[in-house]
Amino acid sequence: SGEKAGDLSEEEKTVSMLGLHESFSKFNATHEVSLVKYKQMLNKKAKLESRRKQLNNTLQKLSETSTATSMILSSLGFEFDGAPSKREKVAVVTVDGNINSALSYDIIRSLRQIKRDKHVKCMVLRVNSGGGSVVSSEAILEEMKLLNKPVICSMSNAAASGGYYIAMNSEKIFAQPTTLTGSIGVFGVKLDASKWAKSYGVRSDCYPHGSHAAAMNPLTPLTTGTKENIARIVLDYYDYFKSIVATRRFLSDEQVEEVAQGRVWTGEQAKEVGLVDALGGLDRAISYAKAAHTNSDEVEIEHWPRSSFRLEDLPKLISGQPSSDVDFAQALLAVTMGLEDNVKSGSVEQLLKNLTELKFAEKPHFMLTIDEKTALDLIMDGE
């Protein structure tokens, strides 16, 4: 109403206070903390914040000592205080192992994060896979089509079948001379355990909505109609695979058929028949991406998808001799957090030695994460 507090009547003041007390009476506290305890909590929080800033400064200085150290810290997920980096980036997405639903989920999630980063100018798809699920491979390829960023493919030891399929959205494909690639083909498997089950007195009843709805049930016999249906589906997938290769590799249907049929090619042979563009490793693919799609001499390299380990597990893990990239990353954290006394003698020196000797493709890719409960525990305990 615009009236000053002093202008209110005694009756209005009483009504106002009663309303205030009424609102307080509806509040139920789950925990009671004394003012002394609350002050201690604030002091511990300030102490933790001071440690965090000190750690951040230490990591920032450490990242400036060498390119290898900087890249490892970046792959661990550390972001330093200050203005966000405006440097151009090249994202390296690694598809390693059998292409299944779990792997495709990680890759798709990474691609969507890369798509939102306007500083990423190009993506390098690093493939080391002999293939896998048709559905998962298709999901990855379709997500890359939505990326709206140029894609360069780098083939590792193998990029065959589904591993070759997901590379079909690439403007240029690099392969090692000994890379196993191609394997343009599709097969289907139907497990028929009906006779085995019958021999043990096991039977199954089902009420399918269609004639082939229960075809993939192991206890459903493999009939002639099921064989024909599976063969038709496999041929449809095969024809679609070949059409994608013909379109993206600028080959005729006849040329694709000659190199398809499930045949496996080395990288050198694949270049001769038009399945890849050039020979070279990951370094060459990244160099090409920088030259073709960035305008700066200082380009950040990001690695995806990012693995993770829990901060609360760190004290248990850093006490042993580092024996892998994961352990080296943990030892690095121990050093930067001032916990080097907890690391066995010689492991820090071994860590620094390996930081300088790691090859490009061997650099660890991790992201440090912590859950909310553990974070609150750390604040309360002053750790």
Protein backbone atom coordinates (compact mmCIF):
# COMPACT_ATOMS: atom_id res chain seq x y z
CA SER A 1 0.00 0.00 0.00
CA GLY A 2 3.05 2.23 0.21
CA GLU A 3 2.51 3.04 3.91
CA LYS A 4 5.55 3.12 6.17
CA ALA A 5 5.77 0.60 9.01
CA GLY A 6 5.51 3.44 11.53
CA ASP A 7 2.19 4.55 10.06
CA LEU A 8 0.49 1.20 10.76
CA SER A 9 -2.01 1.03 13.57
CA GLU A 10 -1.49 -1.28 16.55
CA GLU A 11 -4.30 -3.50 15.26
CA GLU A 12 -2.68 -3.77 11.80
CA LYS A 13 0.68 -4.59 13.38
CA THR A 14 -0.93 -7.35 15.44
CA VAL A 15 -2.64 -8.86 12.36
CA SER A 16 0.63 -8.68 10.44
CA MET A 17 2.61 -10.48 13.16
CA LEU A 18 -0.11 -13.12 13.57
CA GLY A 19 0.06 -13.84 9.83
CA LEU A 20 3.84 -14.13 10.02
CA HIS A 21 3.69 -16.55 12.94
CA GLU A 22 1.00 -18.53 11.13
CA SER A 23 3.30 -18.98 8.09
CA PHE A 24 6.15 -20.09 10.35
CA SER A 25 3.93 -22.65 12.06
CA LYS A 26 3.43 -24.40 8.73
CA PHE A 27 7.19 -24.92 8.30
CA ASN A 28 8.57 -28.26 9.51
CA ALA A 29 12.36 -28.52 9.74
CA THR A 30 13.90 -31.91 9.00
CA HIS A 31 17.14 -31.07 10.85
CA GLU A 32 18.05 -28.74 13.64
CA VAL A 33 21.44 -27.02 13.49
CA SER A 34 22.77 -24.71 16.17
CA LEU A 35 24.29 -21.37 15.23
CA VAL A 36 27.70 -22.63 16.34
CA LYS A 37 27.41 -25.72 14.16
CA TYR A 38 26.14 -23.61 11.24
CA LYS A 39 29.14 -21.30 11.60
CA GLN A 40 31.44 -24.33 11.56
CA MET A 41 29.76 -25.57 8.40
CA LEU A 42 30.28 -22.21 6.70
CA ASN A 43 33.94 -22.19 7.75
CA LYS A 44 34.42 -25.71 6.35
CA LYS A 45 32.71 -24.71 3.12
CA ALA A 46 34.99 -21.67 2.79
CA LYS A 47 38.00 -23.89 3.49
CA LEU A 48 36.88 -26.35 0.81
CA GLU A 49 36.38 -23.52 -1.68
CA SER A 50 39.88 -22.27 -0.92
CA ARG A 51 41.26 -25.75 -1.55
CA ARG A 52 39.33 -25.99 -4.78
CA LYS A 53 40.78 -22.71 -6.03
CA GLN A 54 44.26 -23.82 -5.00
CA LEU A 55 43.79 -27.11 -6.84
CA ASN A 56 42.46 -25.26 -9.88
CA ASN A 57 45.50 -22.97 -9.96
CA THR A 58 47.85 -25.94 -9.58
CA LEU A 59 46.16 -27.81 -12.42
CA GLN A 60 46.22 -24.74 -14.63
CA LYS A 61 49.97 -24.27 -14.07
CA LEU A 62 50.51 -27.99 -14.65
CA SER A 63 48.59 -27.87 -17.92
CA GLU A 64 50.94 -25.19 -19.18
CA THR A 65 54.04 -27.35 -18.71
CA SER A 66 53.47 -29.57 -21.76
CA THR A 67 50.95 -30.32 -24.46
CA ALA A 68 50.58 -33.94 -23.32
CA THR A 69 49.72 -32.90 -19.76
CA SER A 70 47.26 -30.30 -21.02
CA MET A 71 45.47 -32.85 -23.21
CA ILE A 72 45.25 -35.40 -20.38
CA LEU A 73 43.78 -32.81 -17.99
CA SER A 74 41.33 -31.77 -20.68
CA SER A 75 40.28 -35.39 -21.26
CA LEU A 76 39.79 -35.76 -17.49
CA GLY A 77 37.10 -33.09 -17.76
CA PHE A 78 38.86 -30.27 -15.90
CA GLU A 79 37.73 -26.75 -16.79
CA PHE A 80 39.70 -23.92 -15.28
CA ASP A 81 38.25 -20.73 -13.84
CA GLY A 82 38.06 -17.62 -15.94
CA ALA A 83 36.54 -16.87 -19.29
CA PRO A 84 35.55 -19.98 -21.24
CA SER A 85 37.86 -20.97 -24.06
CA LYS A 86 36.93 -19.51 -27.41
CA ARG A 87 39.49 -21.50 -29.35
CA GLU A 88 38.34 -23.67 -32.21
CA LYS A 89 38.01 -27.36 -31.43
CA VAL A 90 38.22 -30.70 -33.19
CA ALA A 91 36.25 -33.47 -31.47
CA VAL A 92 37.57 -37.04 -31.68
CA VAL A 93 34.83 -39.61 -31.14
CA THR A 94 36.11 -43.17 -30.65
CA VAL A 95 33.92 -46.16 -31.49
CA ASP A 96 35.76 -49.09 -29.96
CA GLY A 97 34.48 -52.65 -29.80
CA ASN A 98 31.25 -54.39 -30.68
CA ILE A 99 28.55 -51.92 -31.76
CA ASN A 100 25.66 -52.64 -29.43
CA SER A 101 22.94 -50.60 -27.76
CA ALA A 102 25.16 -49.52 -24.84
CA LEU A 103 27.94 -48.28 -27.10
CA SER A 104 25.55 -46.54 -29.47
CA TYR A 105 23.94 -44.76 -26.50
CA ASP A 106 27.33 -43.37 -25.39
CA ILE A 107 28.23 -42.32 -28.93
CA ILE A 108 24.87 -40.65 -29.60
CA ARG A 109 25.01 -38.78 -26.30
CA SER A 110 28.51 -37.55 -27.17
CA LEU A 111 27.42 -36.46 -30.65
CA ARG A 112 24.56 -34.40 -29.23
CA GLN A 113 26.91 -32.64 -26.83
CA ILE A 114 29.34 -31.93 -29.66
CA LYS A 115 26.51 -30.56 -31.79
CA ARG A 116 25.69 -27.96 -29.12
CA ASP A 117 29.29 -26.74 -28.88
CA LYS A 118 29.68 -23.95 -31.43
CA HIS A 119 33.47 -24.01 -31.02
CA VAL A 120 33.72 -27.54 -32.45
CA LYS A 121 34.40 -27.03 -36.13
CA CYS A 122 34.96 -30.63 -37.18
CA MET A 123 34.62 -34.16 -35.85
CA VAL A 124 37.04 -37.04 -36.33
CA LEU A 125 35.36 -40.44 -36.10
CA ARG A 126 37.89 -42.99 -34.83
CA VAL A 127 36.64 -46.51 -35.58
CA ASN A 128 38.05 -49.71 -34.14
CA SER A 129 35.20 -52.15 -34.56
CA GLY A 130 34.34 -55.26 -36.51
CA GLY A 131 30.66 -54.33 -36.53
CA GLY A 132 27.67 -55.37 -34.48
CA SER A 133 23.98 -54.63 -34.32
CA VAL A 134 22.27 -53.33 -37.46
CA VAL A 135 19.94 -51.14 -35.42
CA SER A 136 22.74 -49.66 -33.30
CA SER A 137 24.90 -48.94 -36.35
CA GLU A 138 21.99 -47.26 -38.09
CA ALA A 139 21.26 -45.16 -34.99
CA ILE A 140 24.85 -43.86 -34.90
CA LEU A 141 24.88 -43.05 -38.62
CA GLU A 142 21.56 -41.21 -38.45
CA GLU A 143 22.74 -39.16 -35.48
CA MET A 144 25.87 -38.14 -37.37
CA LYS A 145 23.72 -36.94 -40.25
CA LEU A 146 22.10 -34.52 -37.77
CA LEU A 147 25.45 -33.26 -36.53
CA ASN A 148 25.69 -30.42 -39.09
CA LYS A 149 29.47 -30.51 -38.78
CA PRO A 150 32.03 -32.05 -41.17
CA VAL A 151 33.11 -35.58 -40.27
CA ILE A 152 36.49 -37.16 -41.00
CA CYS A 153 36.91 -40.88 -40.41
CA SER A 154 40.08 -42.52 -39.10
CA MET A 155 40.11 -46.33 -39.16
CA SER A 156 42.18 -48.17 -36.58
CA ASN A 157 42.85 -51.92 -36.58
CA ALA A 158 39.38 -52.75 -37.90
CA ALA A 159 36.43 -50.90 -39.37
CA ALA A 160 34.36 -53.66 -40.91
CA SER A 161 30.67 -54.34 -41.47
CA GLY A 162 28.85 -52.00 -39.05
CA GLY A 163 32.19 -50.33 -38.33
CA TYR A 164 32.45 -49.40 -42.00
CA TYR A 165 28.76 -48.52 -42.21
CA ILE A 166 28.97 -45.78 -39.56
CA ALA A 167 31.77 -44.12 -41.55
CA MET A 168 29.48 -43.45 -44.49
CA ASN A 169 28.73 -39.86 -43.46
CA SER A 170 32.42 -38.91 -43.64
CA GLU A 171 33.76 -36.49 -46.23
CA LYS A 172 37.14 -38.25 -46.13
CA ILE A 173 38.17 -41.67 -44.82
CA PHE A 174 41.69 -42.49 -43.64
CA ALA A 175 42.83 -46.08 -43.01
CA GLN A 176 46.05 -47.75 -42.01
CA PRO A 177 47.59 -50.02 -44.67
CA THR A 178 46.83 -53.03 -42.44
CA THR A 179 43.34 -51.96 -41.35
CA LEU A 180 40.72 -54.66 -41.89
CA THR A 181 37.72 -52.97 -43.45
CA GLY A 182 34.87 -53.55 -45.84
CA SER A 183 32.89 -56.69 -44.95
CA ILE A 184 29.86 -55.15 -46.63
CA GLY A 185 27.33 -57.79 -45.80
CA VAL A 186 24.52 -58.76 -43.45
CA PHE A 187 23.63 -62.06 -41.80
CA GLY A 188 20.84 -63.24 -39.54
CA VAL A 189 20.80 -65.89 -36.81
CA LYS A 190 17.81 -67.87 -35.59
CA LEU A 191 18.30 -70.19 -32.59
CA ASP A 192 16.07 -73.26 -32.73
CA ALA A 193 16.11 -75.08 -29.40
CA SER A 194 12.67 -76.64 -29.80
CA LYS A 195 13.92 -80.24 -30.23
CA TRP A 196 16.37 -79.90 -27.34
CA ALA A 197 13.62 -78.52 -25.10
CA LYS A 198 11.21 -81.27 -26.14
CA SER A 199 13.76 -83.92 -25.20
CA TYR A 200 13.68 -82.58 -21.63
CA GLY A 201 9.90 -82.29 -21.57
CA VAL A 202 9.87 -78.52 -21.92
CA ARG A 203 7.26 -76.94 -24.16
CA SER A 204 6.14 -73.39 -24.84
CA ASP A 205 2.75 -71.90 -25.66
CA CYS A 206 2.32 -68.45 -27.17
CA TYR A 207 -0.39 -66.53 -28.95
CA PRO A 208 1.36 -64.32 -31.55
CA HIS A 209 -0.39 -61.47 -33.33
CA GLY A 210 1.12 -62.50 -36.68
CA SER A 211 2.53 -65.55 -38.42
CA HIS A 212 6.14 -64.51 -37.68
CA ALA A 213 5.67 -62.64 -34.40
CA ALA A 214 7.24 -65.46 -32.35
CA ALA A 215 9.77 -66.49 -34.98
CA MET A 216 12.81 -65.49 -32.92
CA ASN A 217 11.65 -67.37 -29.82
CA PRO A 218 14.24 -70.14 -29.24
CA LEU A 219 11.43 -72.63 -28.55
CA THR A 220 9.66 -71.83 -31.84
CA PRO A 221 10.70 -74.31 -34.57
CA LEU A 222 12.49 -73.02 -37.66
CA THR A 223 9.93 -73.54 -40.39
CA THR A 224 10.29 -73.03 -44.14
CA GLY A 225 8.25 -69.83 -43.92
CA THR A 226 10.50 -68.47 -41.15
CA LYS A 227 13.61 -69.26 -43.22
CA GLU A 228 12.20 -67.38 -46.20
CA ASN A 229 11.21 -64.42 -44.03
CA ILE A 230 14.66 -64.14 -42.40
CA ALA A 231 16.34 -64.45 -45.80
CA ARG A 232 14.14 -61.65 -47.18
CA ILE A 233 14.96 -59.35 -44.26
CA VAL A 234 18.69 -60.04 -44.57
CA LEU A 235 18.64 -59.31 -48.32
CA ASP A 236 16.71 -56.07 -47.75
CA TYR A 237 19.31 -54.92 -45.22
CA TYR A 238 22.11 -55.97 -47.58
CA ASP A 239 20.65 -54.02 -50.51
CA TYR A 240 20.20 -50.97 -48.30
CA PHE A 241 23.81 -51.25 -47.06
CA LYS A 242 25.07 -51.38 -50.64
CA SER A 243 22.94 -48.40 -51.68
CA ILE A 244 24.42 -46.31 -48.84
CA VAL A 245 27.97 -47.26 -49.89
CA ALA A 246 27.22 -46.53 -53.56
CA THR A 247 25.83 -43.08 -52.73
CA ARG A 248 28.50 -41.98 -50.28
CA ARG A 249 31.49 -43.48 -52.12
CA PHE A 250 30.31 -42.41 -55.59
CA LEU A 251 30.35 -45.96 -56.92
CA SER A 252 27.95 -47.75 -59.23
CA ASP A 253 25.82 -50.63 -57.99
CA GLU A 254 27.96 -53.03 -59.99
CA GLN A 255 31.19 -51.68 -58.46
CA VAL A 256 29.80 -52.00 -54.95
CA GLU A 257 28.63 -55.57 -55.58
CA GLU A 258 32.15 -56.49 -56.69
CA VAL A 259 33.69 -55.32 -53.41
CA ALA A 260 30.78 -56.33 -51.16
CA GLN A 261 29.51 -59.88 -50.53
CA GLY A 262 31.05 -59.78 -47.06
CA ARG A 263 34.61 -59.57 -48.39
CA VAL A 264 37.25 -58.11 -46.08
CA TRP A 265 39.93 -55.76 -47.42
CA THR A 266 43.11 -54.34 -46.00
CA GLY A 267 43.35 -50.56 -45.88
CA GLU A 268 45.71 -50.54 -48.82
CA GLN A 269 43.39 -52.72 -50.91
CA ALA A 270 40.37 -50.67 -49.84
CA LYS A 271 42.01 -47.53 -51.20
CA GLU A 272 42.54 -49.21 -54.57
CA VAL A 273 38.88 -50.25 -54.87
CA GLY A 274 37.51 -46.91 -53.63
CA LEU A 275 36.31 -47.85 -50.15
CA VAL A 276 38.66 -45.38 -48.43
CA ASP A 277 40.28 -42.13 -49.57
CA ALA A 278 43.78 -42.11 -48.13
CA LEU A 279 46.24 -44.03 -45.98
CA GLY A 280 47.22 -42.65 -42.60
CA GLY A 281 46.59 -42.79 -38.89
CA LEU A 282 44.73 -40.64 -36.41
CA ASP A 283 47.37 -37.90 -36.47
CA ARG A 284 46.94 -37.43 -40.20
CA ALA A 285 43.14 -37.37 -39.92
CA ILE A 286 43.30 -34.68 -37.23
CA SER A 287 45.83 -32.66 -39.24
CA TYR A 288 43.51 -32.79 -42.23
CA ALA A 289 40.55 -31.72 -40.09
CA LYS A 290 42.51 -28.75 -38.75
CA ALA A 291 43.71 -27.67 -42.18
CA ALA A 292 40.35 -28.05 -43.88
CA HIS A 293 37.94 -26.76 -41.26
CA THR A 294 39.71 -24.46 -38.79
CA ASN A 295 41.27 -21.04 -39.16
CA SER A 296 43.53 -21.00 -36.12
CA ASP A 297 46.96 -22.41 -35.34
CA GLU A 298 45.85 -23.22 -31.77
CA VAL A 299 43.11 -25.83 -31.98
CA GLU A 300 41.86 -27.82 -28.99
CA ILE A 301 41.41 -31.57 -29.36
CA GLU A 302 38.54 -33.10 -27.37
CA HIS A 303 38.07 -36.84 -26.93
CA TRP A 304 34.66 -38.50 -26.68
CA PRO A 305 32.96 -40.38 -25.14
CA ARG A 306 34.43 -39.53 -21.76
CA SER A 307 34.84 -42.29 -19.19
CA SER A 308 34.49 -41.54 -15.52
CA PHE A 309 35.65 -42.65 -12.11
CA ARG A 310 34.34 -41.59 -8.71
CA LEU A 311 36.21 -39.10 -6.55
CA GLU A 312 35.32 -41.03 -3.41
CA ASP A 313 37.28 -44.02 -4.75
CA LEU A 314 40.42 -41.96 -5.30
CA PRO A 315 42.12 -42.58 -1.89
CA LYS A 316 41.86 -46.37 -2.43
CA LEU A 317 43.15 -46.24 -5.97
CA ILE A 318 46.15 -43.94 -5.69
CA SER A 319 47.92 -46.04 -3.05
CA GLY A 320 49.22 -48.59 -5.55
CA GLN A 321 51.84 -48.54 -8.28
CA PRO A 322 50.30 -47.09 -11.47
CA SER A 323 49.94 -49.80 -14.08
CA SER A 324 47.55 -48.31 -16.62
CA ASP A 325 46.40 -45.02 -18.11
CA VAL A 326 43.65 -44.90 -15.49
CA ASP A 327 46.16 -45.27 -12.68
CA PHE A 328 48.40 -42.61 -14.20
CA ALA A 329 45.46 -40.20 -14.26
CA GLN A 330 44.71 -41.00 -10.64
CA ALA A 331 48.34 -40.49 -9.65
CA LEU A 332 48.24 -37.16 -11.45
CA LEU A 333 45.28 -36.13 -9.30
CA ALA A 334 47.15 -37.27 -6.20
CA VAL A 335 50.07 -35.02 -7.05
CA THR A 336 47.95 -31.98 -7.81
CA MET A 337 45.87 -32.43 -4.66
CA GLY A 338 48.95 -32.64 -2.47
CA LEU A 339 48.47 -36.33 -1.73
CA GLU A 340 51.73 -37.51 -3.24
CA ASP A 341 52.80 -38.89 0.15
CA ASN A 342 50.09 -41.52 -0.25
CA VAL A 343 51.53 -42.70 -3.56
CA LYS A 344 54.20 -45.37 -3.50
CA SER A 345 57.76 -44.31 -4.17
CA GLY A 346 58.62 -43.97 -7.83
CA SER A 347 55.05 -43.85 -9.13
CA VAL A 348 55.07 -40.05 -9.50
CA GLU A 349 58.30 -40.19 -11.49
CA GLN A 350 56.83 -42.99 -13.58
CA LEU A 351 53.72 -40.89 -14.12
CA LEU A 352 55.66 -37.89 -15.40
CA LYS A 353 57.77 -40.17 -17.60
CA ASN A 354 54.68 -41.70 -19.17
CA LEU A 355 53.02 -38.31 -19.67
CA THR A 356 55.79 -37.40 -22.07
CA GLU A 357 55.94 -40.81 -23.76
CA LEU A 358 52.23 -41.38 -24.42
CA LYS A 359 51.42 -41.66 -28.10
CA PHE A 360 48.52 -39.61 -29.46
CA ALA A 361 46.05 -42.50 -29.63
CA GLU A 362 47.06 -43.80 -26.19
CA LYS A 363 46.19 -40.69 -24.19
CA PRO A 364 43.63 -41.51 -21.47
CA HIS A 365 40.15 -40.05 -21.82
CA PHE A 366 38.41 -39.63 -18.46
CA MET A 367 35.97 -37.31 -16.76
CA LEU A 368 36.05 -36.74 -13.00
CA THR A 369 32.57 -36.99 -11.49
CA ILE A 370 31.08 -36.92 -8.00
CA ASP A 371 27.54 -37.56 -6.80
CA GLU A 372 25.57 -35.04 -4.74
CA LYS A 373 25.62 -37.04 -1.50
CA THR A 374 29.38 -37.47 -1.55
CA ALA A 375 29.83 -33.77 -2.33
CA LEU A 376 27.72 -32.83 0.69
CA ASP A 377 29.64 -35.30 2.84
CA LEU A 378 32.91 -33.74 1.75
CA ILE A 379 31.61 -30.27 2.62
CA MET A 380 30.34 -31.36 6.02
CA ASP A 381 33.54 -33.26 6.85
CA GLY A 382 35.82 -30.55 5.52
CA GLU A 383 37.60 -32.99 3.23
